[in-house]
C-alpha atoms as a PDB file:
ATOM      1  CA  MET A   1      16.353  -4.725 -16.610  1.00  0.00           C
ATOM      2  CA  GLY A   2      15.544  -1.333 -15.102  1.00  0.00           C
ATOM      3  CA  LEU A   3      14.486  -0.247 -11.669  1.00  0.00           C
ATOM      4  CA  ASP A   4      11.325  -1.962 -10.389  1.00  0.00           C
ATOM      5  CA  PRO A   5       8.341   0.307 -11.216  1.00  0.00           C
ATOM      6  CA  VAL A   6       7.059   0.271  -7.615  1.00  0.00           C
ATOM      7  CA  VAL A   7      10.484   1.386  -6.351  1.00  0.00           C
ATOM      8  CA  ARG A   8      10.783   3.976  -9.143  1.00  0.00           C
ATOM      9  CA  LEU A   9       7.423   5.521  -8.199  1.00  0.00           C
ATOM     10  CA  TRP A  10       8.160   5.355  -4.445  1.00  0.00           C
ATOM     11  CA  ASP A  11      11.476   7.141  -4.988  1.00  0.00           C
ATOM     12  CA  ALA A  12       9.532   9.885  -6.784  1.00  0.00           C
ATOM     13  CA  GLY A  13       7.061  10.208  -3.866  1.00  0.00           C
ATOM     14  CA  ALA A  14       4.269   8.392  -5.686  1.00  0.00           C
ATOM     15  CA  VAL A  15       2.375   5.102  -5.921  1.00  0.00           C
ATOM     16  CA  PRO A  16       0.583   3.471  -8.863  1.00  0.00           C
ATOM     17  CA  GLY A  17      -2.617   5.369  -9.655  1.00  0.00           C
ATOM     18  CA  ARG A  18      -4.957   2.399  -9.806  1.00  0.00           C
ATOM     19  CA  THR A  19      -6.452   0.624  -6.788  1.00  0.00           C
ATOM     20  CA  GLY A  20      -4.368  -2.480  -6.203  1.00  0.00           C
ATOM     21  CA  LEU A  21      -1.667  -4.379  -4.369  1.00  0.00           C
ATOM     22  CA  TYR A  22       1.752  -3.832  -5.917  1.00  0.00           C
ATOM     23  CA  ARG A  23       4.615  -6.093  -4.805  1.00  0.00           C
ATOM     24  CA  VAL A  24       8.192  -5.144  -5.569  1.00  0.00           C
ATOM     25  CA  GLY A  25       9.471  -7.745  -8.015  1.00  0.00           C
ATOM     26  CA  GLY A  26       6.124  -9.502  -8.120  1.00  0.00           C
ATOM     27  CA  PRO A  27       2.665  -9.447  -9.601  1.00  0.00           C
ATOM     28  CA  ALA A  28       0.133  -6.676  -9.115  1.00  0.00           C
ATOM     29  CA  ARG A  29      -3.384  -7.521  -7.997  1.00  0.00           C
ATOM     30  CA  ALA A  30      -6.503  -5.438  -8.303  1.00  0.00           C
ATOM     31  CA  LEU A  31      -8.344  -5.001  -5.018  1.00  0.00           C
ATOM     32  CA  SER A  32     -11.875  -4.286  -3.952  1.00  0.00           C
ATOM     33  CA  ILE A  33     -12.699  -3.527  -0.370  1.00  0.00           C
ATOM     34  CA  GLY A  34     -15.571  -5.482   1.131  1.00  0.00           C
ATOM     35  CA  GLY A  35     -16.110  -5.396   4.868  1.00  0.00           C
ATOM     36  CA  ALA A  36     -12.750  -5.560   6.589  1.00  0.00           C
ATOM     37  CA  ALA A  37     -10.983  -7.732   4.013  1.00  0.00           C
ATOM     38  CA  LEU A  38      -9.441  -7.326   0.579  1.00  0.00           C
ATOM     39  CA  SER A  39     -10.488  -9.584  -2.272  1.00  0.00           C
ATOM     40  CA  ARG A  40      -7.911 -10.207  -4.955  1.00  0.00           C
ATOM     41  CA  PHE A  41      -7.776 -11.004  -8.637  1.00  0.00           C
ATOM     42  CA  GLU A  42      -4.970 -10.856 -11.168  1.00  0.00           C
ATOM     43  CA  LEU A  43      -4.402  -7.679 -13.151  1.00  0.00           C
ATOM     44  CA  GLY A  44      -3.994  -8.455 -16.813  1.00  0.00           C
ATOM     45  CA  GLU A  45      -1.366  -5.836 -17.491  1.00  0.00           C
ATOM     46  CA  ASP A  46       2.351  -5.450 -17.000  1.00  0.00           C
ATOM     47  CA  LEU A  47       3.069  -3.235 -13.995  1.00  0.00           C
ATOM     48  CA  ALA A  48       6.036  -1.777 -15.881  1.00  0.00           C
ATOM     49  CA  GLU A  49       3.510  -0.107 -18.193  1.00  0.00           C
ATOM     50  CA  VAL A  50       1.398   1.507 -15.467  1.00  0.00           C
ATOM     51  CA  ASP A  51       1.744   5.190 -16.275  1.00  0.00           C
ATOM     52  CA  ASP A  52      -0.919   6.585 -13.949  1.00  0.00           C
ATOM     53  CA  GLU A  53       0.447   7.598 -10.581  1.00  0.00           C
ATOM     54  CA  ILE A  54      -0.600   9.349  -7.380  1.00  0.00           C
ATOM     55  CA  GLY A  55       1.759  11.597  -5.457  1.00  0.00           C
ATOM     56  CA  VAL A  56       1.553  10.680  -1.779  1.00  0.00           C
ATOM     57  CA  ASP A  57       2.405  11.906   1.698  1.00  0.00           C
ATOM     58  CA  ILE A  58       2.894   9.645   4.727  1.00  0.00           C
ATOM     59  CA  HIS A  59       0.636  10.583   7.644  1.00  0.00           C
ATOM     60  CA  PRO A  60       2.708  11.142  10.829  1.00  0.00           C
ATOM     61  CA  ASP A  61       0.442   8.839  12.886  1.00  0.00           C
ATOM     62  CA  ALA A  62       0.634   6.125  10.215  1.00  0.00           C
ATOM     63  CA  ASP A  63       4.328   5.261  10.397  1.00  0.00           C
ATOM     64  CA  VAL A  64       4.823   2.193  12.582  1.00  0.00           C
ATOM     65  CA  PRO A  65       7.953   0.094  13.109  1.00  0.00           C
ATOM     66  CA  ILE A  66       7.537  -3.687  12.767  1.00  0.00           C
ATOM     67  CA  PRO A  67      10.165  -6.451  12.843  1.00  0.00           C
ATOM     68  CA  GLY A  68      12.312  -6.031   9.730  1.00  0.00           C
ATOM     69  CA  GLY A  69      10.844  -2.715   8.654  1.00  0.00           C
ATOM     70  CA  PHE A  70       7.885  -0.371   8.820  1.00  0.00           C
ATOM     71  CA  LEU A  71       4.225  -0.017   7.914  1.00  0.00           C
ATOM     72  CA  VAL A  72       3.198   3.385   6.597  1.00  0.00           C
ATOM     73  CA  GLY A  73       0.021   4.984   5.305  1.00  0.00           C
ATOM     74  CA  GLY A  74      -1.154   8.315   4.055  1.00  0.00           C
ATOM     75  CA  GLU A  75      -2.913  10.226   1.361  1.00  0.00           C
ATOM     76  CA  GLY A  76      -2.779  11.305  -2.238  1.00  0.00           C
ATOM     77  CA  ALA A  77      -2.984  14.841  -3.565  1.00  0.00           C
ATOM     78  CA  LEU A  78      -6.738  14.817  -4.262  1.00  0.00           C
ATOM     79  CA  GLY A  79      -7.987  14.038  -0.741  1.00  0.00           C
ATOM     80  CA  HIS A  80     -10.040  10.926  -1.586  1.00  0.00           C
ATOM     81  CA  GLU A  81      -6.984   8.770  -2.281  1.00  0.00           C
ATOM     82  CA  GLY A  82      -5.260   6.649   0.326  1.00  0.00           C
ATOM     83  CA  PHE A  83      -2.410   4.181   0.467  1.00  0.00           C
ATOM     84  CA  PHE A  84      -0.586   1.898   2.836  1.00  0.00           C
ATOM     85  CA  ALA A  85       2.707   0.101   2.414  1.00  0.00           C
ATOM     86  CA  ARG A  86       5.215  -2.249   3.964  1.00  0.00           C
ATOM     87  CA  LEU A  87       8.782  -0.959   3.884  1.00  0.00           C
ATOM     88  CA  ASP A  88      11.973  -2.820   4.660  1.00  0.00           C
ATOM     89  CA  GLN A  89      14.442  -1.682   7.328  1.00  0.00           C
ATOM     90  CA  ASP A  90      15.970   0.787   4.853  1.00  0.00           C
ATOM     91  CA  ARG A  91      12.483   2.265   4.200  1.00  0.00           C
ATOM     92  CA  ARG A  92      12.367   0.756   0.696  1.00  0.00           C
ATOM     93  CA  PRO A  93       8.987  -0.630  -0.449  1.00  0.00           C
ATOM     94  CA  VAL A  94       8.169  -4.334  -0.171  1.00  0.00           C
ATOM     95  CA  TRP A  95       4.545  -3.833  -1.240  1.00  0.00           C
ATOM     96  CA  VAL A  96       2.179  -0.922  -1.685  1.00  0.00           C
ATOM     97  CA  VAL A  97      -1.620  -0.838  -1.640  1.00  0.00           C
ATOM     98  CA  THR A  98      -3.236   2.052  -3.497  1.00  0.00           C
ATOM     99  CA  LEU A  99      -6.851   2.965  -2.737  1.00  0.00           C
ATOM    100  CA  GLU A 100      -8.148   5.444  -5.323  1.00  0.00           C
ATOM    101  CA  ASP A 101     -11.326   6.135  -3.361  1.00  0.00           C
ATOM    102  CA  GLY A 102     -10.211   4.796   0.019  1.00  0.00           C
ATOM    103  CA  ASN A 103      -9.534   8.135   1.700  1.00  0.00           C
ATOM    104  CA  PRO A 104      -6.327   8.905   3.591  1.00  0.00           C
ATOM    105  CA  ILE A 105      -4.932   6.287   5.955  1.00  0.00           C
ATOM    106  CA  ILE A 106      -4.356   8.085   9.250  1.00  0.00           C
ATOM    107  CA  ALA A 107      -3.623   5.274  11.719  1.00  0.00           C
ATOM    108  CA  ILE A 108      -2.047   1.818  11.831  1.00  0.00           C
ATOM    109  CA  GLU A 109      -2.445  -0.663  14.657  1.00  0.00           C
ATOM    110  CA  VAL A 110      -0.399  -3.885  14.769  1.00  0.00           C
ATOM    111  CA  THR A 111      -1.476  -6.850  16.899  1.00  0.00           C
ATOM    112  CA  ASP A 112       0.625  -9.990  16.643  1.00  0.00           C
ATOM    113  CA  ARG A 113       1.019 -10.425  12.873  1.00  0.00           C
ATOM    114  CA  ARG A 114      -2.103  -8.505  11.834  1.00  0.00           C
ATOM    115  CA  ALA A 115      -2.181  -4.854  10.862  1.00  0.00           C
ATOM    116  CA  ARG A 116      -5.281  -2.681  10.857  1.00  0.00           C
ATOM    117  CA  PHE A 117      -5.182   0.398   8.648  1.00  0.00           C
ATOM    118  CA  THR A 118      -7.768   3.107   9.434  1.00  0.00           C
ATOM    119  CA  ASN A 119      -8.794   5.931   7.129  1.00  0.00           C
ATOM    120  CA  ASN A 120     -10.026   9.398   8.064  1.00  0.00           C
ATOM    121  CA  LEU A 121     -13.661   8.198   7.987  1.00  0.00           C
ATOM    122  CA  GLY A 122     -13.015   5.432  10.529  1.00  0.00           C
ATOM    123  CA  ASN A 123     -13.145   2.620   7.948  1.00  0.00           C
ATOM    124  CA  THR A 124     -10.590  -0.136   8.495  1.00  0.00           C
ATOM    125  CA  VAL A 125      -8.809  -2.782   6.473  1.00  0.00           C
ATOM    126  CA  THR A 126      -7.033  -5.605   8.310  1.00  0.00           C
ATOM    127  CA  VAL A 127      -4.281  -7.632   6.679  1.00  0.00           C
ATOM    128  CA  ASP A 128      -2.351 -10.697   7.791  1.00  0.00           C
ATOM    129  CA  LEU A 129       1.327  -9.814   7.566  1.00  0.00           C
ATOM    130  CA  ASP A 130       2.235 -13.517   7.342  1.00  0.00           C
ATOM    131  CA  SER A 131       0.050 -14.225   4.312  1.00  0.00           C
ATOM    132  CA  PRO A 132       1.681 -14.654   0.895  1.00  0.00           C
ATOM    133  CA  GLU A 133      -0.013 -11.469  -0.285  1.00  0.00           C
ATOM    134  CA  PHE A 134       1.063  -9.163   2.518  1.00  0.00           C
ATOM    135  CA  GLY A 135       4.118 -10.919   3.976  1.00  0.00           C
ATOM    136  CA  PRO A 136       7.728  -9.890   3.457  1.00  0.00           C
END
């Protein structure tokens, strides 16, 4: 078995090119943003075959240490793309969320076990870091 596709893309400075939650070693889920929450449903494809990718840059104000690792966010090359991710203590991905039309993530605020990711338009997404979807 080869390198996990999320790790392979991350090592190349990229994330999967389709809006979704991508867990290292786990299932991918498509996401739609409604209000301040993410709704989830199963993707019907093998993540190993995702060939569309977005090159990304981490925003300097969206790199926050948390117990056991980091939360990061940033933008894709086209300006309307955004992403946020949980990294382990070695800055390796645990999960990545790609937002094709979510705009760049420029700030992250952590309160207790919740993280709020804010894009350059002031829109926010809040996730529970203890939930099965967004936990370690």
